[in-house]
PDB file of N, CA and C in Angstrom:
ATOM      1  N   MET A   1     111.427 135.795 121.479  1.00  0.00           N
ATOM      2  CA  MET A   1     110.087 135.237 121.392  1.00  0.00           C
ATOM      3  C   MET A   1     110.008 134.015 122.288  1.00  0.00           C
ATOM      4  N   SER A   2     108.995 133.942 123.107  1.00  0.00           N
ATOM      5  CA  SER A   2     108.827 132.810 124.004  1.00  0.00           C
ATOM      6  C   SER A   2     108.044 131.697 123.315  1.00  0.00           C
ATOM      7  N   TYR A   3     108.287 130.485 123.776  1.00  0.00           N
ATOM      8  CA  TYR A   3     107.602 129.316 123.239  1.00  0.00           C
ATOM      9  C   TYR A   3     106.149 129.304 123.687  1.00  0.00           C
ATOM     10  N   GLN A   4     105.237 128.980 122.763  1.00  0.00           N
ATOM     11  CA  GLN A   4     103.825 128.860 123.104  1.00  0.00           C
ATOM     12  C   GLN A   4     103.226 127.684 122.355  1.00  0.00           C
ATOM     13  N   PHE A   5     102.816 126.656 123.095  1.00  0.00           N
ATOM     14  CA  PHE A   5     102.140 125.499 122.495  1.00  0.00           C
ATOM     15  C   PHE A   5     100.749 125.927 122.047  1.00  0.00           C
ATOM     16  N   VAL A   6     100.353 125.559 120.807  1.00  0.00           N
ATOM     17  CA  VAL A   6      99.053 125.975 120.277  1.00  0.00           C
ATOM     18  C   VAL A   6      98.050 124.826 120.271  1.00  0.00           C
ATOM     19  N   GLN A   7      98.376 123.703 119.653  1.00  0.00           N
ATOM     20  CA  GLN A   7      97.490 122.548 119.665  1.00  0.00           C
ATOM     21  C   GLN A   7      98.269 121.292 119.330  1.00  0.00           C
ATOM     22  N   LYS A   8      97.734 120.136 119.685  1.00  0.00           N
ATOM     23  CA  LYS A   8      98.415 118.860 119.484  1.00  0.00           C
ATOM     24  C   LYS A   8      98.693 118.585 118.011  1.00  0.00           C
ATOM     25  N   GLY A   9      97.729 118.851 117.130  1.00  0.00           N
ATOM     26  CA  GLY A   9      97.971 118.706 115.704  1.00  0.00           C
ATOM     27  C   GLY A   9      97.265 117.568 115.019  1.00  0.00           C
ATOM     28  N   ASP A  10      96.566 116.697 115.752  1.00  0.00           N
ATOM     29  CA  ASP A  10      95.769 115.650 115.105  1.00  0.00           C
ATOM     30  C   ASP A  10      94.548 116.269 114.438  1.00  0.00           C
ATOM     31  N   VAL A  11      94.029 117.316 115.073  1.00  0.00           N
ATOM     32  CA  VAL A  11      92.918 118.104 114.557  1.00  0.00           C
ATOM     33  C   VAL A  11      93.374 119.551 114.647  1.00  0.00           C
ATOM     34  N   VAL A  12      93.222 120.289 113.550  1.00  0.00           N
ATOM     35  CA  VAL A  12      93.676 121.676 113.534  1.00  0.00           C
ATOM     36  C   VAL A  12      92.507 122.614 113.263  1.00  0.00           C
ATOM     37  N   THR A  13      92.624 123.828 113.768  1.00  0.00           N
ATOM     38  CA  THR A  13      91.606 124.839 113.558  1.00  0.00           C
ATOM     39  C   THR A  13      91.939 125.616 112.297  1.00  0.00           C
ATOM     40  N   LEU A  14      90.983 125.662 111.365  1.00  0.00           N
ATOM     41  CA  LEU A  14      91.172 126.301 110.070  1.00  0.00           C
ATOM     42  C   LEU A  14      90.001 127.230 109.779  1.00  0.00           C
ATOM     43  N   ILE A  15      90.122 128.024 108.735  1.00  0.00           N
ATOM     44  CA  ILE A  15      89.033 128.881 108.272  1.00  0.00           C
ATOM     45  C   ILE A  15      88.424 128.239 107.029  1.00  0.00           C
ATOM     46  N   ALA A  16      87.113 128.069 107.039  1.00  0.00           N
ATOM     47  CA  ALA A  16      86.421 127.425 105.920  1.00  0.00           C
ATOM     48  C   ALA A  16      86.566 128.248 104.644  1.00  0.00           C
ATOM     49  N   PRO A  17      86.942 127.595 103.549  1.00  0.00           N
ATOM     50  CA  PRO A  17      87.083 128.288 102.268  1.00  0.00           C
ATOM     51  C   PRO A  17      85.719 128.609 101.641  1.00  0.00           C
ATOM     52  N   THR A  18      85.737 129.233 100.489  1.00  0.00           N
ATOM     53  CA  THR A  18      84.523 129.565  99.746  1.00  0.00           C
ATOM     54  C   THR A  18      83.635 128.335  99.622  1.00  0.00           C
ATOM     55  N   GLY A  19      82.362 128.499  99.915  1.00  0.00           N
ATOM     56  CA  GLY A  19      81.419 127.383  99.865  1.00  0.00           C
ATOM     57  C   GLY A  19      81.260 126.684 101.194  1.00  0.00           C
ATOM     58  N   GLY A  20      82.132 126.970 102.158  1.00  0.00           N
ATOM     59  CA  GLY A  20      82.056 126.330 103.465  1.00  0.00           C
ATOM     60  C   GLY A  20      82.552 124.899 103.428  1.00  0.00           C
ATOM     61  N   VAL A  21      82.356 124.177 104.531  1.00  0.00           N
ATOM     62  CA  VAL A  21      82.773 122.782 104.628  1.00  0.00           C
ATOM     63  C   VAL A  21      81.638 121.954 105.203  1.00  0.00           C
ATOM     64  N   THR A  22      81.676 120.659 104.904  1.00  0.00           N
ATOM     65  CA  THR A  22      80.654 119.723 105.364  1.00  0.00           C
ATOM     66  C   THR A  22      81.315 118.648 106.216  1.00  0.00           C
ATOM     67  N   SER A  23      80.717 118.357 107.337  1.00  0.00           N
ATOM     68  CA  SER A  23      81.243 117.340 108.243  1.00  0.00           C
ATOM     69  C   SER A  23      81.497 116.021 107.509  1.00  0.00           C
ATOM     70  N   GLY A  24      82.692 115.469 107.709  1.00  0.00           N
ATOM     71  CA  GLY A  24      83.045 114.189 107.105  1.00  0.00           C
ATOM     72  C   GLY A  24      83.575 114.271 105.690  1.00  0.00           C
ATOM     73  N   VAL A  25      83.639 115.474 105.132  1.00  0.00           N
ATOM     74  CA  VAL A  25      84.107 115.659 103.754  1.00  0.00           C
ATOM     75  C   VAL A  25      85.510 116.260 103.782  1.00  0.00           C
ATOM     76  N   GLY A  26      86.348 115.812 102.872  1.00  0.00           N
ATOM     77  CA  GLY A  26      87.701 116.332 102.773  1.00  0.00           C
ATOM     78  C   GLY A  26      87.714 117.796 102.391  1.00  0.00           C
ATOM     79  N   VAL A  27      88.749 118.489 102.866  1.00  0.00           N
ATOM     80  CA  VAL A  27      88.924 119.907 102.583  1.00  0.00           C
ATOM     81  C   VAL A  27      90.388 120.120 102.221  1.00  0.00           C
ATOM     82  N   LEU A  28      90.623 120.704 101.055  1.00  0.00           N
ATOM     83  CA  LEU A  28      91.982 121.000 100.628  1.00  0.00           C
ATOM     84  C   LEU A  28      92.160 122.513 100.632  1.00  0.00           C
ATOM     85  N   ILE A  29      93.049 122.994 101.496  1.00  0.00           N
ATOM     86  CA  ILE A  29      93.366 124.417 101.582  1.00  0.00           C
ATOM     87  C   ILE A  29      94.847 124.541 101.281  1.00  0.00           C
ATOM     88  N   GLY A  30      95.172 125.099 100.120  1.00  0.00           N
ATOM     89  CA  GLY A  30      96.564 125.099  99.681  1.00  0.00           C
ATOM     90  C   GLY A  30      97.000 123.660  99.502  1.00  0.00           C
ATOM     91  N   GLN A  31      98.016 123.231 100.243  1.00  0.00           N
ATOM     92  CA  GLN A  31      98.465 121.841 100.197  1.00  0.00           C
ATOM     93  C   GLN A  31      98.046 121.068 101.442  1.00  0.00           C
ATOM     94  N   LEU A  32      97.286 121.691 102.339  1.00  0.00           N
ATOM     95  CA  LEU A  32      96.866 121.053 103.583  1.00  0.00           C
ATOM     96  C   LEU A  32      95.525 120.352 103.391  1.00  0.00           C
ATOM     97  N   PHE A  33      95.524 119.025 103.557  1.00  0.00           N
ATOM     98  CA  PHE A  33      94.302 118.238 103.434  1.00  0.00           C
ATOM     99  C   PHE A  33      93.825 117.851 104.827  1.00  0.00           C
ATOM    100  N   SER A  34      92.539 118.024 105.058  1.00  0.00           N
ATOM    101  CA  SER A  34      91.941 117.602 106.323  1.00  0.00           C
ATOM    102  C   SER A  34      90.527 117.099 106.042  1.00  0.00           C
ATOM    103  N   ILE A  35      89.938 116.501 107.065  1.00  0.00           N
ATOM    104  CA  ILE A  35      88.539 116.087 106.980  1.00  0.00           C
ATOM    105  C   ILE A  35      87.780 116.900 108.010  1.00  0.00           C
ATOM    106  N   ALA A  36      86.778 117.641 107.549  1.00  0.00           N
ATOM    107  CA  ALA A  36      86.007 118.523 108.425  1.00  0.00           C
ATOM    108  C   ALA A  36      85.259 117.715 109.477  1.00  0.00           C
ATOM    109  N   THR A  37      85.288 118.200 110.717  1.00  0.00           N
ATOM    110  CA  THR A  37      84.576 117.520 111.801  1.00  0.00           C
ATOM    111  C   THR A  37      83.216 118.157 112.079  1.00  0.00           C
ATOM    112  N   ALA A  38      82.901 119.238 111.377  1.00  0.00           N
ATOM    113  CA  ALA A  38      81.608 119.911 111.526  1.00  0.00           C
ATOM    114  C   ALA A  38      81.278 120.616 110.218  1.00  0.00           C
ATOM    115  N   THR A  39      80.023 120.951 110.032  1.00  0.00           N
ATOM    116  CA  THR A  39      79.589 121.707 108.868  1.00  0.00           C
ATOM    117  C   THR A  39      79.529 123.182 109.251  1.00  0.00           C
ATOM    118  N   VAL A  40      80.255 124.020 108.503  1.00  0.00           N
ATOM    119  CA  VAL A  40      80.240 125.463 108.769  1.00  0.00           C
ATOM    120  C   VAL A  40      80.261 126.228 107.452  1.00  0.00           C
ATOM    121  N   ALA A  41      79.790 127.460 107.502  1.00  0.00           N
ATOM    122  CA  ALA A  41      79.790 128.340 106.333  1.00  0.00           C
ATOM    123  C   ALA A  41      81.191 128.901 106.096  1.00  0.00           C
ATOM    124  N   GLN A  42      81.409 129.397 104.888  1.00  0.00           N
ATOM    125  CA  GLN A  42      82.709 129.978 104.542  1.00  0.00           C
ATOM    126  C   GLN A  42      83.080 131.080 105.530  1.00  0.00           C
ATOM    127  N   THR A  43      84.367 131.245 105.710  1.00  0.00           N
ATOM    128  CA  THR A  43      85.028 132.220 106.591  1.00  0.00           C
ATOM    129  C   THR A  43      84.883 131.917 108.078  1.00  0.00           C
ATOM    130  N   LEU A  44      84.150 130.866 108.459  1.00  0.00           N
ATOM    131  CA  LEU A  44      84.057 130.496 109.869  1.00  0.00           C
ATOM    132  C   LEU A  44      85.125 129.470 110.214  1.00  0.00           C
ATOM    133  N   GLU A  45      85.514 129.413 111.486  1.00  0.00           N
ATOM    134  CA  GLU A  45      86.486 128.417 111.931  1.00  0.00           C
ATOM    135  C   GLU A  45      85.848 127.032 111.952  1.00  0.00           C
ATOM    136  N   PHE A  46      86.663 126.034 111.618  1.00  0.00           N
ATOM    137  CA  PHE A  46      86.231 124.642 111.754  1.00  0.00           C
ATOM    138  C   PHE A  46      87.430 123.821 112.169  1.00  0.00           C
ATOM    139  N   GLU A  47      87.147 122.639 112.695  1.00  0.00           N
ATOM    140  CA  GLU A  47      88.203 121.704 113.069  1.00  0.00           C
ATOM    141  C   GLU A  47      88.370 120.708 111.933  1.00  0.00           C
ATOM    142  N   GLY A  48      89.608 120.510 111.496  1.00  0.00           N
ATOM    143  CA  GLY A  48      89.905 119.564 110.430  1.00  0.00           C
ATOM    144  C   GLY A  48      90.853 118.493 110.924  1.00  0.00           C
ATOM    145  N   ALA A  49      90.449 117.229 110.821  1.00  0.00           N
ATOM    146  CA  ALA A  49      91.318 116.113 111.209  1.00  0.00           C
ATOM    147  C   ALA A  49      92.389 115.919 110.150  1.00  0.00           C
ATOM    148  N   VAL A  50      93.640 115.809 110.571  1.00  0.00           N
ATOM    149  CA  VAL A  50      94.744 115.629 109.626  1.00  0.00           C
ATOM    150  C   VAL A  50      95.480 114.308 109.839  1.00  0.00           C
ATOM    151  N   THR A  51      95.053 113.516 110.821  1.00  0.00           N
ATOM    152  CA  THR A  51      95.618 112.191 111.048  1.00  0.00           C
ATOM    153  C   THR A  51      94.482 111.233 111.386  1.00  0.00           C
ATOM    154  N   GLY A  52      94.796 109.958 111.459  1.00  0.00           N
ATOM    155  CA  GLY A  52      93.820 108.959 111.886  1.00  0.00           C
ATOM    156  C   GLY A  52      93.149 108.246 110.726  1.00  0.00           C
ATOM    157  N   VAL A  53      92.212 107.358 111.077  1.00  0.00           N
ATOM    158  CA  VAL A  53      91.440 106.591 110.100  1.00  0.00           C
ATOM    159  C   VAL A  53      90.032 107.165 110.050  1.00  0.00           C
ATOM    160  N   HIS A  54      89.543 107.407 108.840  1.00  0.00           N
ATOM    161  CA  HIS A  54      88.236 108.026 108.639  1.00  0.00           C
ATOM    162  C   HIS A  54      87.510 107.326 107.495  1.00  0.00           C
ATOM    163  N   GLU A  55      86.190 107.334 107.550  1.00  0.00           N
ATOM    164  CA  GLU A  55      85.390 106.885 106.415  1.00  0.00           C
ATOM    165  C   GLU A  55      85.196 108.107 105.521  1.00  0.00           C
ATOM    166  N   ILE A  56      85.472 107.930 104.226  1.00  0.00           N
ATOM    167  CA  ILE A  56      85.420 109.063 103.303  1.00  0.00           C
ATOM    168  C   ILE A  56      84.783 108.636 101.985  1.00  0.00           C
ATOM    169  N   ALA A  57      84.157 109.580 101.316  1.00  0.00           N
ATOM    170  CA  ALA A  57      83.538 109.305 100.018  1.00  0.00           C
ATOM    171  C   ALA A  57      84.604 108.958  98.983  1.00  0.00           C
ATOM    172  N   LYS A  58      84.251 108.030  98.084  1.00  0.00           N
ATOM    173  CA  LYS A  58      85.150 107.619  97.009  1.00  0.00           C
ATOM    174  C   LYS A  58      84.395 107.648  95.681  1.00  0.00           C
ATOM    175  N   THR A  59      85.139 107.605  94.602  1.00  0.00           N
ATOM    176  CA  THR A  59      84.515 107.445  93.293  1.00  0.00           C
ATOM    177  C   THR A  59      83.757 106.120  93.313  1.00  0.00           C
ATOM    178  N   SER A  60      82.457 106.149  93.069  1.00  0.00           N
ATOM    179  CA  SER A  60      81.626 104.960  93.191  1.00  0.00           C
ATOM    180  C   SER A  60      82.062 103.840  92.251  1.00  0.00           C
ATOM    181  N   ALA A  61      82.311 104.174  91.002  1.00  0.00           N
ATOM    182  CA  ALA A  61      82.648 103.170  89.982  1.00  0.00           C
ATOM    183  C   ALA A  61      84.136 102.850  90.015  1.00  0.00           C
ATOM    184  N   LEU A  62      84.630 102.433  91.184  1.00  0.00           N
ATOM    185  CA  LEU A  62      86.051 102.163  91.357  1.00  0.00           C
ATOM    186  C   LEU A  62      86.233 101.168  92.485  1.00  0.00           C
ATOM    187  N   ALA A  63      86.961 100.085  92.215  1.00  0.00           N
ATOM    188  CA  ALA A  63      87.313  99.134  93.265  1.00  0.00           C
ATOM    189  C   ALA A  63      88.614  99.599  93.912  1.00  0.00           C
ATOM    190  N   ILE A  64      88.647  99.570  95.225  1.00  0.00           N
ATOM    191  CA  ILE A  64      89.837  99.960  95.979  1.00  0.00           C
ATOM    192  C   ILE A  64      90.205  98.802  96.891  1.00  0.00           C
ATOM    193  N   SER A  65      91.493  98.513  96.976  1.00  0.00           N
ATOM    194  CA  SER A  65      91.985  97.443  97.841  1.00  0.00           C
ATOM    195  C   SER A  65      92.754  98.038  99.017  1.00  0.00           C
ATOM    196  N   THR A  66      92.730  97.323 100.140  1.00  0.00           N
ATOM    197  CA  THR A  66      93.508  97.744 101.291  1.00  0.00           C
ATOM    198  C   THR A  66      94.961  97.963 100.863  1.00  0.00           C
ATOM    199  N   GLY A  67      95.510  99.090 101.258  1.00  0.00           N
ATOM    200  CA  GLY A  67      96.893  99.413 100.922  1.00  0.00           C
ATOM    201  C   GLY A  67      97.049 100.308  99.711  1.00  0.00           C
ATOM    202  N   ASP A  68      95.987 100.492  98.919  1.00  0.00           N
ATOM    203  CA  ASP A  68      96.074 101.394  97.765  1.00  0.00           C
ATOM    204  C   ASP A  68      96.329 102.820  98.236  1.00  0.00           C
ATOM    205  N   VAL A  69      97.167 103.530  97.504  1.00  0.00           N
ATOM    206  CA  VAL A  69      97.362 104.957  97.747  1.00  0.00           C
ATOM    207  C   VAL A  69      96.126 105.686  97.240  1.00  0.00           C
ATOM    208  N   LEU A  70      95.627 106.647  98.024  1.00  0.00           N
ATOM    209  CA  LEU A  70      94.431 107.384  97.643  1.00  0.00           C
ATOM    210  C   LEU A  70      94.755 108.847  97.388  1.00  0.00           C
ATOM    211  N   TYR A  71      94.069 109.402  96.403  1.00  0.00           N
ATOM    212  CA  TYR A  71      94.281 110.778  95.961  1.00  0.00           C
ATOM    213  C   TYR A  71      92.972 111.545  96.099  1.00  0.00           C
ATOM    214  N   TRP A  72      93.074 112.849  96.359  1.00  0.00           N
ATOM    215  CA  TRP A  72      91.890 113.683  96.548  1.00  0.00           C
ATOM    216  C   TRP A  72      91.487 114.355  95.246  1.00  0.00           C
ATOM    217  N   ASP A  73      90.250 114.143  94.837  1.00  0.00           N
ATOM    218  CA  ASP A  73      89.636 114.811  93.693  1.00  0.00           C
ATOM    219  C   ASP A  73      88.854 115.987  94.277  1.00  0.00           C
ATOM    220  N   ASP A  74      89.447 117.171  94.265  1.00  0.00           N
ATOM    221  CA  ASP A  74      88.851 118.333  94.918  1.00  0.00           C
ATOM    222  C   ASP A  74      87.605 118.825  94.195  1.00  0.00           C
ATOM    223  N   THR A  75      87.463 118.536  92.921  1.00  0.00           N
ATOM    224  CA  THR A  75      86.272 118.946  92.182  1.00  0.00           C
ATOM    225  C   THR A  75      85.053 118.144  92.620  1.00  0.00           C
ATOM    226  N   ASN A  76      85.216 116.827  92.713  1.00  0.00           N
ATOM    227  CA  ASN A  76      84.098 115.946  93.055  1.00  0.00           C
ATOM    228  C   ASN A  76      84.026 115.598  94.540  1.00  0.00           C
ATOM    229  N   LYS A  77      85.028 116.035  95.310  1.00  0.00           N
ATOM    230  CA  LYS A  77      85.075 115.817  96.769  1.00  0.00           C
ATOM    231  C   LYS A  77      85.047 114.336  97.131  1.00  0.00           C
ATOM    232  N   VAL A  78      85.874 113.549  96.427  1.00  0.00           N
ATOM    233  CA  VAL A  78      86.009 112.113  96.681  1.00  0.00           C
ATOM    234  C   VAL A  78      87.480 111.718  96.550  1.00  0.00           C
ATOM    235  N   VAL A  79      87.807 110.543  97.112  1.00  0.00           N
ATOM    236  CA  VAL A  79      89.126 109.975  96.868  1.00  0.00           C
ATOM    237  C   VAL A  79      89.036 108.981  95.727  1.00  0.00           C
ATOM    238  N   ASN A  80      90.179 108.773  95.077  1.00  0.00           N
ATOM    239  CA  ASN A  80      90.265 107.791  94.000  1.00  0.00           C
ATOM    240  C   ASN A  80      91.711 107.319  93.896  1.00  0.00           C
ATOM    241  N   LYS A  81      92.058 106.630  92.828  1.00  0.00           N
ATOM    242  CA  LYS A  81      93.423 106.132  92.643  1.00  0.00           C
ATOM    243  C   LYS A  81      94.139 106.833  91.494  1.00  0.00           C
ATOM    244  N   THR A  82      93.644 108.004  91.096  1.00  0.00           N
ATOM    245  CA  THR A  82      94.222 108.752  89.989  1.00  0.00           C
ATOM    246  C   THR A  82      95.257 109.731  90.506  1.00  0.00           C
ATOM    247  N   SER A  83      96.530 109.507  90.174  1.00  0.00           N
ATOM    248  CA  SER A  83      97.584 110.371  90.703  1.00  0.00           C
ATOM    249  C   SER A  83      97.761 111.657  89.900  1.00  0.00           C
ATOM    250  N   SER A  84      97.345 111.673  88.653  1.00  0.00           N
ATOM    251  CA  SER A  84      97.568 112.827  87.787  1.00  0.00           C
ATOM    252  C   SER A  84      96.806 114.052  88.279  1.00  0.00           C
ATOM    253  N   ALA A  85      97.539 115.114  88.614  1.00  0.00           N
ATOM    254  CA  ALA A  85      96.988 116.417  89.011  1.00  0.00           C
ATOM    255  C   ALA A  85      96.093 116.358  90.246  1.00  0.00           C
ATOM    256  N   GLN A  86      96.272 115.330  91.078  1.00  0.00           N
ATOM    257  CA  GLN A  86      95.508 115.241  92.319  1.00  0.00           C
ATOM    258  C   GLN A  86      96.464 115.074  93.494  1.00  0.00           C
ATOM    259  N   LYS A  87      95.995 115.380  94.679  1.00  0.00           N
ATOM    260  CA  LYS A  87      96.821 115.336  95.879  1.00  0.00           C
ATOM    261  C   LYS A  87      96.745 113.974  96.554  1.00  0.00           C
ATOM    262  N   GLU A  88      97.902 113.401  96.824  1.00  0.00           N
ATOM    263  CA  GLU A  88      98.001 112.141  97.556  1.00  0.00           C
ATOM    264  C   GLU A  88      97.677 112.433  99.028  1.00  0.00           C
ATOM    265  N   VAL A  89      96.696 111.699  99.599  1.00  0.00           N
ATOM    266  CA  VAL A  89      96.248 112.034 100.948  1.00  0.00           C
ATOM    267  C   VAL A  89      96.292 110.885 101.952  1.00  0.00           C
ATOM    268  N   GLY A  90      96.478 109.652 101.504  1.00  0.00           N
ATOM    269  CA  GLY A  90      96.547 108.548 102.454  1.00  0.00           C
ATOM    270  C   GLY A  90      96.453 107.198 101.785  1.00  0.00           C
ATOM    271  N   TRP A  91      96.161 106.184 102.623  1.00  0.00           N
ATOM    272  CA  TRP A  91      96.073 104.811 102.136  1.00  0.00           C
ATOM    273  C   TRP A  91      94.726 104.214 102.516  1.00  0.00           C
ATOM    274  N   ALA A  92      94.229 103.343 101.666  1.00  0.00           N
ATOM    275  CA  ALA A  92      93.007 102.606 101.990  1.00  0.00           C
ATOM    276  C   ALA A  92      93.327 101.585 103.072  1.00  0.00           C
ATOM    277  N   VAL A  93      92.479 101.517 104.100  1.00  0.00           N
ATOM    278  CA  VAL A  93      92.647 100.501 105.137  1.00  0.00           C
ATOM    279  C   VAL A  93      91.437  99.561 105.162  1.00  0.00           C
ATOM    280  N   SER A  94      90.692  99.592 104.054  1.00  0.00           N
ATOM    281  CA  SER A  94      89.602  98.638 103.841  1.00  0.00           C
ATOM    282  C   SER A  94      89.471  98.438 102.340  1.00  0.00           C
ATOM    283  N   ASP A  95      88.869  97.319 101.963  1.00  0.00           N
ATOM    284  CA  ASP A  95      88.522  97.117 100.568  1.00  0.00           C
ATOM    285  C   ASP A  95      87.201  97.825 100.299  1.00  0.00           C
ATOM    286  N   ALA A  96      87.029  98.314  99.084  1.00  0.00           N
ATOM    287  CA  ALA A  96      85.762  98.940  98.687  1.00  0.00           C
ATOM    288  C   ALA A  96      85.435  98.480  97.275  1.00  0.00           C
ATOM    289  N   ALA A  97      84.260  97.933  97.111  1.00  0.00           N
ATOM    290  CA  ALA A  97      83.848  97.362  95.831  1.00  0.00           C
ATOM    291  C   ALA A  97      83.455  98.440  94.826  1.00  0.00           C
ATOM    292  N   ASN A  98      83.377  98.030  93.566  1.00  0.00           N
ATOM    293  CA  ASN A  98      82.807  98.836  92.494  1.00  0.00           C
ATOM    294  C   ASN A  98      81.435  98.228  92.210  1.00  0.00           C
ATOM    295  N   PRO A  99      80.339  98.919  92.460  1.00  0.00           N
ATOM    296  CA  PRO A  99      80.224 100.268  93.012  1.00  0.00           C
ATOM    297  C   PRO A  99      80.110 100.242  94.536  1.00  0.00           C
ATOM    298  N   SER A 100      80.553 101.304  95.161  1.00  0.00           N
ATOM    299  CA  SER A 100      80.335 101.583  96.580  1.00  0.00           C
ATOM    300  C   SER A 100      80.679 103.052  96.798  1.00  0.00           C
ATOM    301  N   SER A 101      80.190 103.607  97.878  1.00  0.00           N
ATOM    302  CA  SER A 101      80.314 105.054  98.043  1.00  0.00           C
ATOM    303  C   SER A 101      81.416 105.506  98.989  1.00  0.00           C
ATOM    304  N   THR A 102      81.925 104.605  99.852  1.00  0.00           N
ATOM    305  CA  THR A 102      82.938 105.037 100.818  1.00  0.00           C
ATOM    306  C   THR A 102      84.053 104.016 100.962  1.00  0.00           C
ATOM    307  N   VAL A 103      85.128 104.472 101.590  1.00  0.00           N
ATOM    308  CA  VAL A 103      86.268 103.625 101.922  1.00  0.00           C
ATOM    309  C   VAL A 103      86.872 104.182 103.207  1.00  0.00           C
ATOM    310  N   TYR A 104      87.567 103.327 103.971  1.00  0.00           N
ATOM    311  CA  TYR A 104      88.294 103.810 105.140  1.00  0.00           C
ATOM    312  C   TYR A 104      89.682 104.231 104.684  1.00  0.00           C
ATOM    313  N   ILE A 105      90.075 105.425 105.119  1.00  0.00           N
ATOM    314  CA  ILE A 105      91.373 105.977 104.742  1.00  0.00           C
ATOM    315  C   ILE A 105      92.193 106.262 105.981  1.00  0.00           C
ATOM    316  N   LEU A 106      93.473 105.934 105.925  1.00  0.00           N
ATOM    317  CA  LEU A 106      94.432 106.346 106.940  1.00  0.00           C
ATOM    318  C   LEU A 106      95.115 107.584 106.394  1.00  0.00           C
ATOM    319  N   LEU A 107      94.814 108.728 106.998  1.00  0.00           N
ATOM    320  CA  LEU A 107      95.448 109.966 106.548  1.00  0.00           C
ATOM    321  C   LEU A 107      96.931 109.908 106.878  1.00  0.00           C
ATOM    322  N   ASN A 108      97.726 110.411 105.972  1.00  0.00           N
ATOM    323  CA  ASN A 108      99.169 110.423 106.171  1.00  0.00           C
ATOM    324  C   ASN A 108      99.643 111.856 106.295  1.00  0.00           C
ATOM    325  N   PRO A 109     100.002 112.297 107.505  1.00  0.00           N
ATOM    326  CA  PRO A 109     100.445 113.680 107.675  1.00  0.00           C
ATOM    327  C   PRO A 109     101.650 114.043 106.814  1.00  0.00           C
ATOM    328  N   SER A 110     102.516 113.080 106.485  1.00  0.00           N
ATOM    329  CA  SER A 110     103.676 113.411 105.653  1.00  0.00           C
ATOM    330  C   SER A 110     103.258 113.750 104.235  1.00  0.00           C
ATOM    331  N   MET A 111     102.033 113.358 103.836  1.00  0.00           N
ATOM    332  CA  MET A 111     101.540 113.671 102.496  1.00  0.00           C
ATOM    333  C   MET A 111     100.946 115.071 102.426  1.00  0.00           C
ATOM    334  N   ARG A 112     100.814 115.747 103.554  1.00  0.00           N
ATOM    335  CA  ARG A 112     100.184 117.075 103.572  1.00  0.00           C
ATOM    336  C   ARG A 112     100.957 118.084 102.730  1.00  0.00           C
ATOM    337  N   THR A 113     102.229 117.824 102.485  1.00  0.00           N
ATOM    338  CA  THR A 113     103.009 118.780 101.718  1.00  0.00           C
ATOM    339  C   THR A 113     103.425 118.249 100.359  1.00  0.00           C
ATOM    340  N   SER A 114     102.895 117.082  99.968  1.00  0.00           N
ATOM    341  CA  SER A 114     103.265 116.519  98.667  1.00  0.00           C
ATOM    342  C   SER A 114     102.171 116.769  97.640  1.00  0.00           C
ATOM    343  N   VAL A 115     102.566 116.834  96.397  1.00  0.00           N
ATOM    344  CA  VAL A 115     101.609 117.012  95.310  1.00  0.00           C
ATOM    345  C   VAL A 115     101.940 115.985  94.243  1.00  0.00           C
ATOM    346  N   ALA A 116     100.938 115.294  93.762  1.00  0.00           N
ATOM    347  CA  ALA A 116     101.153 114.333  92.679  1.00  0.00           C
ATOM    348  C   ALA A 116     101.525 115.080  91.406  1.00  0.00           C
ATOM    349  N   ALA A 117     102.324 114.445  90.581  1.00  0.00           N
ATOM    350  CA  ALA A 117     102.748 115.069  89.316  1.00  0.00           C
ATOM    351  C   ALA A 117     101.625 115.132  88.324  1.00  0.00           C
TER     352      ALA A 117
END
């Protein structure tokens, strides 16, 4: 088998799951977390960012401090600080007050294969 480079890996091409994806919203497919760069219907290809700093929705009634570990709540499509049964996806790189709707997150590619207990 010959070597074939496919893509750099900061943004990956994926197939949208049931319900499709919305630009700027996190997407969890298996253990792979990304942030959709476009809105597409289910079964269509989309680009998902898996590294970098992004503004993302958070649980409104929650204060977050820079450096907090953030977890993905796949039901509500927000990040929070609850590790139980949620996927660890990155770190806060901004403070976010209670209440507020977004926070800046640094996605951590090494967390793509980890699952919170």
